[in-house]
Amino acid sequence: MAKQEAPFRVGGIVEPPYFVGRNDDLRVLAETLRTLSQNVLLLAPRRFGKSSLLWNLRRSLADIPDLLLPYVNCRDMASPEDLFRGLVHPLLQELAEKRKLSGLWEKFRLVFSSGVLGALRALEEIGGSIGEWGQVYLRFREAEVDEKALVRAAFSYPKRIAAEYRVRVVFFLDEFQEVAAFDNYVFAALKKELDNPGDVRFVFSGSSLGLLREVFLREDSPLFLMVSRYELGPLSAEEAVPFVQERLALAGYTVEKATAERIYELTGGIPFYLQKLGLVLVQKLWLSGKKSVGKREVDAAFEQMLTELDSEFEVRWLSEFSPLQRRILRVLAKGPAGPTALAQALGMKPQDISSSLARLRAEMVLRRTEAGYELTDVVFARWLSKD
């Protein structure tokens, strides 16, 4: 008996048929990268599907034979040594696949784990720019060069490898805000390569506008004007509503458009919540034996989803925000407000809350609209408004 396909998928990288919409984003970004026209800074709040977009963008370009697309998750990087390893591994894996270089990574990885003599023999067998790249790491292991030299090599050798093997390279550096905490010499080395990139480009992505602004977006930033900024918003109703109807139909439920629109309204079109609410709804329907889906069932599923998220939101609430920021968020959870109205609601002056507002915007917790400031995460806002 064939395994039944789950109607929704929550967490991790999402691929078709669970990946929904983003056709315009994929088209624009794919053309930018296919032509190596510029480096890109992709910005999105948490749970907006940023990593899934990057993954599906890579899939859309994967058939181009001379284009390498190494993906690097910077979340766990704690040192420049991690950065070196993070760039080397996916690049060599992509190169081995596209140029049929069997055993390339298995040989190179000896520089991280084997004795010096064994690693040198492997690098001599590889030869060329890749062999030289590995020798830099060996010299670092032996304390013959410092972290700065290692970082310079991490960013400079991909261009040489691209020329040697006649390929083009686009690095996807996800959660790049983690690297933004490194010393500035990392960005000085990166800037040197971005000034003369050859056939190498970068897609930087992250969910902390404040940290990324320090690196890319201020006039005194080390990489100012070196990237094109691209902001990822929530899914549109035109994308999300048909998706919800199709996935619920797969589970055996016919859903009116108004019901699917209610799911969209409650989740704000944020991909993670759209998938999670759909999954919770299907589970409740299965357990209850109900065959019809209406607003009442959707609202009940949403309340259950909030309950499931309660501990996570509570930890975030207590650990990420100052007392004043929490007061601000509680007011804005009830609806958008400008700085003057917000200050009045708090019994304060606008200048007394300006820095807190700026920090909340920098972390993409708030956004500024024509109606005023509002929470980016509508589900988090609904959780706050319950208390």
Protein backbone atom coordinates (compact mmCIF):
# COMPACT_ATOMS: atom_id res chain seq x y z
CA MET A 1 0.00 0.00 0.00
CA ALA A 2 1.44 3.39 -1.02
CA LYS A 3 2.30 5.73 1.81
CA GLN A 4 -0.15 8.63 2.00
CA GLU A 5 1.38 12.04 1.52
CA ALA A 6 1.11 14.33 4.54
CA PRO A 7 -1.01 17.38 3.72
CA PHE A 8 1.32 19.86 5.47
CA ARG A 9 4.92 19.91 6.62
CA VAL A 10 6.21 21.89 9.61
CA GLY A 11 9.82 22.81 10.25
CA GLY A 12 13.05 22.36 8.34
CA ILE A 13 13.63 23.00 4.66
CA VAL A 14 10.38 22.81 2.70
CA GLU A 15 10.38 21.63 -0.91
CA PRO A 16 7.53 21.08 -3.39
CA PRO A 17 4.73 20.16 -3.03
CA TYR A 18 4.89 21.87 0.38
CA PHE A 19 6.82 24.91 -0.83
CA VAL A 20 4.21 27.45 -1.85
CA GLY A 21 4.33 30.57 -4.03
CA ARG A 22 7.39 32.81 -4.16
CA ASN A 23 7.39 32.57 -7.96
CA ASP A 24 8.25 36.25 -8.41
CA ASP A 25 11.01 36.06 -5.79
CA LEU A 26 12.48 32.95 -7.40
CA ARG A 27 12.36 34.47 -10.87
CA VAL A 28 14.08 37.72 -9.86
CA LEU A 29 16.75 36.08 -7.73
CA ALA A 30 17.44 33.26 -10.21
CA GLU A 31 18.08 35.73 -13.00
CA THR A 32 20.38 37.78 -10.77
CA LEU A 33 22.44 34.74 -9.85
CA ARG A 34 22.38 33.05 -13.25
CA THR A 35 24.08 36.09 -14.74
CA LEU A 36 26.31 36.80 -11.71
CA SER A 37 25.09 40.38 -11.94
CA GLN A 38 25.45 41.22 -8.23
CA ASN A 39 25.74 39.96 -4.67
CA VAL A 40 22.47 39.76 -2.75
CA LEU A 41 21.47 40.40 0.86
CA LEU A 42 18.22 38.54 1.58
CA LEU A 43 16.38 39.80 4.66
CA ALA A 44 13.39 38.17 6.33
CA PRO A 45 12.01 37.76 9.86
CA ARG A 46 12.05 34.34 11.45
CA ARG A 47 9.61 31.78 10.05
CA PHE A 48 9.05 33.63 6.78
CA GLY A 49 10.57 30.75 4.80
CA LYS A 50 13.93 32.34 4.06
CA SER A 51 15.98 29.14 4.22
CA SER A 52 13.40 27.24 2.18
CA LEU A 53 13.45 29.97 -0.46
CA LEU A 54 17.24 29.70 -0.68
CA TRP A 55 17.05 25.92 -0.97
CA ASN A 56 14.44 26.05 -3.73
CA LEU A 57 16.37 28.80 -5.48
CA ARG A 58 19.37 26.46 -5.56
CA ARG A 59 17.15 23.69 -6.98
CA SER A 60 15.98 25.98 -9.77
CA LEU A 61 19.60 26.65 -10.81
CA ALA A 62 21.03 23.18 -10.18
CA ASP A 63 20.89 22.03 -13.81
CA ILE A 64 23.31 24.73 -15.02
CA PRO A 65 26.45 22.61 -15.56
CA ASP A 66 29.08 25.27 -14.86
CA LEU A 67 27.36 26.91 -11.88
CA LEU A 68 28.33 25.73 -8.38
CA LEU A 69 25.86 26.54 -5.60
CA PRO A 70 27.44 25.78 -2.20
CA TYR A 71 25.03 26.30 0.71
CA VAL A 72 26.52 27.31 4.08
CA ASN A 73 24.50 27.55 7.31
CA CYS A 74 26.38 30.06 9.47
CA ARG A 75 24.25 29.45 12.56
CA ASP A 76 26.78 27.27 14.35
CA MET A 77 29.91 29.17 13.34
CA ALA A 78 31.86 30.30 16.38
CA SER A 79 35.26 31.12 14.86
CA PRO A 80 37.05 31.94 11.61
CA GLU A 81 38.18 28.31 11.54
CA ASP A 82 34.51 27.29 11.34
CA LEU A 83 34.08 29.76 8.51
CA PHE A 84 36.95 28.20 6.56
CA ARG A 85 35.54 24.70 6.97
CA GLY A 86 32.05 25.94 6.16
CA LEU A 87 33.12 27.39 2.81
CA VAL A 88 35.44 24.56 1.79
CA HIS A 89 33.15 21.58 2.33
CA PRO A 90 30.09 22.50 0.21
CA LEU A 91 32.23 24.08 -2.53
CA LEU A 92 34.32 20.97 -3.02
CA GLN A 93 31.24 18.75 -2.90
CA GLU A 94 29.57 20.84 -5.61
CA LEU A 95 32.74 20.88 -7.69
CA ALA A 96 33.18 17.11 -7.38
CA GLU A 97 29.60 16.55 -8.54
CA LYS A 98 29.65 18.98 -11.47
CA ARG A 99 33.15 18.06 -12.70
CA LYS A 100 32.98 14.34 -11.83
CA LEU A 101 35.95 14.48 -9.43
CA SER A 102 35.38 11.30 -7.48
CA GLY A 103 36.80 11.25 -3.96
CA LEU A 104 37.78 14.94 -3.92
CA TRP A 105 36.26 15.76 -0.52
CA GLU A 106 37.36 12.48 1.03
CA LYS A 107 40.97 13.34 0.19
CA PHE A 108 40.76 17.00 1.18
CA ARG A 109 39.11 16.33 4.53
CA LEU A 110 42.31 14.69 5.75
CA VAL A 111 43.68 18.20 6.41
CA PHE A 112 41.16 18.42 9.29
CA SER A 113 41.64 14.96 10.77
CA SER A 114 44.82 13.23 9.58
CA GLY A 115 48.47 13.65 10.50
CA VAL A 116 50.45 16.25 8.59
CA LEU A 117 52.26 13.77 6.35
CA GLY A 118 49.08 11.94 5.39
CA ALA A 119 47.30 15.22 4.69
CA LEU A 120 50.22 16.50 2.58
CA ARG A 121 50.19 13.36 0.45
CA ALA A 122 46.46 13.78 -0.17
CA LEU A 123 46.90 17.46 -1.10
CA GLU A 124 49.75 16.68 -3.48
CA GLU A 125 47.51 14.14 -5.19
CA ILE A 126 44.77 16.75 -5.55
CA GLY A 127 47.20 19.46 -6.70
CA GLY A 128 46.35 22.88 -8.12
CA SER A 129 44.53 25.61 -6.25
CA ILE A 130 42.60 23.14 -4.10
CA GLY A 131 45.83 21.55 -2.91
CA GLU A 132 47.23 24.98 -2.06
CA TRP A 133 44.01 25.85 -0.23
CA GLY A 134 44.43 22.82 2.00
CA GLN A 135 48.09 23.66 2.65
CA VAL A 136 47.02 27.00 4.12
CA TYR A 137 44.93 25.14 6.67
CA LEU A 138 47.81 22.80 7.49
CA ARG A 139 50.05 25.81 8.13
CA PHE A 140 47.32 27.18 10.40
CA ARG A 141 47.21 23.85 12.25
CA GLU A 142 50.94 24.08 12.79
CA ALA A 143 50.65 27.73 13.98
CA GLU A 144 52.66 28.96 11.01
CA VAL A 145 49.90 31.36 9.96
CA ASP A 146 47.22 33.10 12.04
CA GLU A 147 43.44 33.36 11.78
CA LYS A 148 43.66 36.39 9.53
CA ALA A 149 45.62 34.44 6.93
CA LEU A 150 43.12 31.59 7.20
CA VAL A 151 40.20 33.97 6.60
CA ARG A 152 41.93 35.58 3.62
CA ALA A 153 42.43 32.13 2.12
CA ALA A 154 38.81 31.15 2.82
CA PHE A 155 37.55 34.00 0.65
CA SER A 156 40.33 34.26 -1.96
CA TYR A 157 40.74 30.68 -3.16
CA PRO A 158 37.21 30.09 -4.52
CA LYS A 159 37.93 32.64 -7.27
CA ARG A 160 41.12 30.79 -8.21
CA ILE A 161 39.34 27.44 -8.17
CA ALA A 162 36.55 28.85 -10.38
CA ALA A 163 39.09 30.00 -12.96
CA GLU A 164 41.07 26.74 -12.85
CA TYR A 165 38.02 24.50 -13.31
CA ARG A 166 36.10 26.93 -15.57
CA VAL A 167 33.09 27.15 -13.30
CA ARG A 168 31.11 29.94 -11.69
CA VAL A 169 30.31 29.95 -7.97
CA VAL A 170 27.42 31.37 -5.96
CA PHE A 171 27.76 30.89 -2.20
CA PHE A 172 24.55 30.87 -0.15
CA LEU A 173 25.50 32.08 3.35
CA ASP A 174 22.38 31.55 5.45
CA GLU A 175 21.97 33.12 8.92
CA PHE A 176 24.90 35.40 8.16
CA GLN A 177 24.18 37.53 11.24
CA GLU A 178 26.15 34.91 13.20
CA VAL A 179 29.28 35.83 11.24
CA ALA A 180 28.51 39.50 11.76
CA ALA A 181 29.68 39.07 15.35
CA PHE A 182 33.22 38.21 14.20
CA ASP A 183 36.07 40.70 14.20
CA ASN A 184 36.14 43.24 11.38
CA TYR A 185 39.15 41.67 9.66
CA VAL A 186 36.74 38.98 8.39
CA PHE A 187 34.81 41.63 6.49
CA ALA A 188 37.96 43.38 5.32
CA ALA A 189 39.04 40.11 3.71
CA LEU A 190 35.59 39.61 2.21
CA LYS A 191 35.48 43.18 0.88
CA LYS A 192 38.77 42.65 -0.95
CA GLU A 193 37.27 39.71 -2.81
CA LEU A 194 33.95 41.46 -3.49
CA ASP A 195 35.91 44.33 -5.07
CA ASN A 196 37.50 41.88 -7.53
CA PRO A 197 35.23 38.83 -7.49
CA GLY A 198 36.02 37.01 -10.70
CA ASP A 199 33.28 34.42 -11.20
CA VAL A 200 32.23 34.20 -7.55
CA ARG A 201 29.14 35.80 -6.01
CA PHE A 202 27.46 35.61 -2.60
CA VAL A 203 23.91 35.50 -1.31
CA PHE A 204 23.90 36.62 2.32
CA SER A 205 20.74 36.03 4.30
CA GLY A 206 19.65 36.66 7.84
CA SER A 207 16.87 37.55 10.24
CA SER A 208 18.62 40.24 12.33
CA LEU A 209 18.50 43.52 10.48
CA GLY A 210 20.48 45.19 13.27
CA LEU A 211 23.53 42.96 12.94
CA LEU A 212 23.38 42.92 9.16
CA ARG A 213 23.05 46.69 9.08
CA GLU A 214 26.36 46.92 10.93
CA VAL A 215 28.00 44.99 8.11
CA PHE A 216 26.15 46.05 4.96
CA LEU A 217 23.71 48.92 5.28
CA ARG A 218 25.34 51.88 7.06
CA GLU A 219 27.62 54.29 5.24
CA ASP A 220 30.49 53.35 7.56
CA SER A 221 29.74 49.62 7.28
CA PRO A 222 32.63 47.47 5.99
CA LEU A 223 30.56 46.12 3.06
CA PHE A 224 28.40 49.18 2.34
CA LEU A 225 27.07 49.23 -1.25
CA MET A 226 28.58 45.80 -1.94
CA VAL A 227 25.22 43.97 -2.08
CA SER A 228 21.72 44.40 -3.44
CA ARG A 229 19.14 44.28 -0.64
CA TYR A 230 16.12 42.01 -1.12
CA GLU A 231 13.40 41.78 1.54
CA LEU A 232 11.13 38.76 1.80
CA GLY A 233 7.59 39.40 2.99
CA PRO A 234 4.74 37.07 3.93
CA LEU A 235 2.93 35.04 1.30
CA SER A 236 0.16 36.80 -0.56
CA ALA A 237 -3.43 35.64 -0.23
CA GLU A 238 -3.36 34.76 -3.93
CA GLU A 239 -0.55 32.30 -3.23
CA ALA A 240 -1.62 30.95 0.15
CA VAL A 241 -5.39 30.46 -0.12
CA PRO A 242 -5.36 28.04 -3.11
CA PHE A 243 -2.49 26.15 -1.48
CA VAL A 244 -4.50 25.64 1.72
CA GLN A 245 -7.52 24.46 -0.25
CA GLU A 246 -5.43 22.02 -2.30
CA ARG A 247 -3.64 20.52 0.72
CA LEU A 248 -6.84 20.10 2.73
CA ALA A 249 -8.49 18.51 -0.32
CA LEU A 250 -5.61 16.02 -0.35
CA ALA A 251 -6.60 15.06 3.20
CA GLY A 252 -10.19 14.55 2.07
CA TYR A 253 -11.75 17.86 3.04
CA THR A 254 -13.48 20.28 0.72
CA VAL A 255 -12.82 23.79 2.01
CA GLU A 256 -14.66 26.92 0.99
CA LYS A 257 -12.53 29.87 -0.02
CA ALA A 258 -13.74 31.88 3.00
CA THR A 259 -12.46 29.18 5.35
CA ALA A 260 -9.05 29.13 3.67
CA GLU A 261 -9.00 32.92 3.87
CA ARG A 262 -9.60 32.65 7.63
CA ILE A 263 -6.50 30.44 7.92
CA TYR A 264 -4.57 33.05 5.97
CA GLU A 265 -5.90 35.85 8.18
CA LEU A 266 -4.90 34.11 11.41
CA THR A 267 -1.39 33.24 10.22
CA GLY A 268 -0.69 36.47 8.33
CA GLY A 269 0.63 34.45 5.40
CA ILE A 270 3.75 33.45 7.37
CA PRO A 271 4.75 30.09 5.85
CA PHE A 272 5.64 28.26 9.08
CA TYR A 273 2.33 29.11 10.76
CA LEU A 274 0.34 28.40 7.60
CA GLN A 275 1.76 24.87 7.53
CA LYS A 276 1.40 24.34 11.29
CA LEU A 277 -2.18 25.54 11.51
CA GLY A 278 -3.09 23.36 8.53
CA LEU A 279 -1.51 20.34 10.21
CA VAL A 280 -3.18 20.97 13.58
CA LEU A 281 -6.52 21.44 11.82
CA VAL A 282 -6.23 18.14 9.95
CA GLN A 283 -5.22 16.29 13.12
CA LYS A 284 -8.23 17.67 15.03
CA LEU A 285 -10.56 16.76 12.17
CA TRP A 286 -9.19 13.21 12.04
CA LEU A 287 -9.62 12.75 15.78
CA SER A 288 -13.14 14.20 15.87
CA GLY A 289 -14.35 12.40 12.77
CA LYS A 290 -15.72 15.65 11.35
CA LYS A 291 -16.04 15.93 7.61
CA SER A 292 -16.84 19.62 7.31
CA VAL A 293 -14.41 22.47 7.84
CA GLY A 294 -15.59 25.94 8.74
CA LYS A 295 -14.54 28.99 10.71
CA ARG A 296 -15.34 27.31 14.04
CA GLU A 297 -12.98 24.39 13.33
CA VAL A 298 -10.24 26.73 12.11
CA ASP A 299 -10.49 28.95 15.19
CA ALA A 300 -10.37 25.93 17.50
CA ALA A 301 -7.28 24.63 15.71
CA PHE A 302 -5.66 28.03 16.00
CA GLU A 303 -6.25 28.09 19.77
CA GLN A 304 -4.61 24.68 20.01
CA MET A 305 -1.67 25.90 17.97
CA LEU A 306 -1.22 28.84 20.35
CA THR A 307 -1.23 26.41 23.26
CA GLU A 308 1.47 24.32 21.58
CA LEU A 309 3.57 27.45 20.99
CA ASP A 310 3.00 28.79 24.50
CA SER A 311 6.25 27.64 26.13
CA GLU A 312 8.34 28.74 23.15
CA PHE A 313 6.76 32.18 23.10
CA GLU A 314 7.10 32.48 26.88
CA VAL A 315 10.85 31.80 26.73
CA ARG A 316 11.24 34.30 23.91
CA TRP A 317 9.18 36.87 25.79
CA LEU A 318 11.28 36.64 28.94
CA SER A 319 14.72 36.22 27.39
CA GLU A 320 14.75 38.48 24.33
CA PHE A 321 12.97 41.64 25.40
CA SER A 322 13.61 44.30 28.03
CA PRO A 323 10.81 45.40 30.38
CA LEU A 324 10.14 48.51 28.27
CA GLN A 325 10.16 46.52 25.05
CA ARG A 326 7.62 44.13 26.56
CA ARG A 327 5.35 47.05 27.45
CA ILE A 328 5.64 48.37 23.90
CA LEU A 329 4.84 44.97 22.39
CA ARG A 330 1.79 44.49 24.59
CA VAL A 331 0.32 47.78 23.38
CA LEU A 332 1.10 47.04 19.72
CA ALA A 333 -0.32 43.53 19.98
CA LYS A 334 -3.73 45.22 20.17
CA GLY A 335 -3.13 47.07 16.89
CA PRO A 336 -0.70 49.40 15.08
CA ALA A 337 0.18 52.77 16.54
CA GLY A 338 2.47 55.66 15.71
CA PRO A 339 5.21 56.74 18.13
CA THR A 340 3.16 59.56 19.67
CA ALA A 341 0.05 57.44 20.28
CA LEU A 342 2.22 54.60 21.53
CA ALA A 343 4.05 56.85 23.98
CA GLN A 344 0.76 58.24 25.25
CA ALA A 345 -0.57 54.71 25.83
CA LEU A 346 2.55 54.00 27.89
CA GLY A 347 2.39 57.29 29.79
CA MET A 348 5.77 58.33 28.37
CA LYS A 349 7.29 60.78 25.91
CA PRO A 350 8.10 59.68 22.33
CA GLN A 351 11.82 60.30 22.86
CA ASP A 352 11.75 57.91 25.84
CA ILE A 353 10.80 54.95 23.65
CA SER A 354 12.66 55.79 20.44
CA SER A 355 15.71 53.63 21.13
CA SER A 356 13.58 50.64 22.14
CA LEU A 357 11.53 51.00 18.96
CA ALA A 358 14.71 51.17 16.90
CA ARG A 359 16.08 47.99 18.46
CA LEU A 360 12.81 46.13 17.91
CA ARG A 361 12.80 47.19 14.27
CA ALA A 362 16.45 46.21 13.89
CA GLU A 363 15.62 42.70 15.10
CA MET A 364 12.65 42.63 12.69
CA VAL A 365 10.21 42.20 15.59
CA LEU A 366 8.40 45.38 14.48
CA ARG A 367 7.78 46.92 11.09
CA ARG A 368 6.69 50.43 10.17
CA THR A 369 3.55 50.80 8.07
CA GLU A 370 1.29 53.70 7.13
CA ALA A 371 -0.81 52.87 10.20
CA GLY A 372 2.24 52.98 12.48
CA TYR A 373 4.36 50.32 14.15
CA GLU A 374 3.06 46.75 14.23
CA LEU A 375 4.36 43.33 15.16
CA THR A 376 5.87 41.41 12.27
CA ASP A 377 4.77 38.06 13.70
CA VAL A 378 0.97 38.20 13.79
CA VAL A 379 0.71 34.88 15.64
CA PHE A 380 3.01 36.13 18.38
CA ALA A 381 0.85 39.27 18.52
CA ARG A 382 -2.30 37.19 18.96
CA TRP A 383 -0.59 35.20 21.72
CA LEU A 384 0.29 38.45 23.52
CA SER A 385 -3.19 39.84 23.17
CA LYS A 386 -4.65 36.77 24.90
CA ASP A 387 -2.99 37.56 28.26
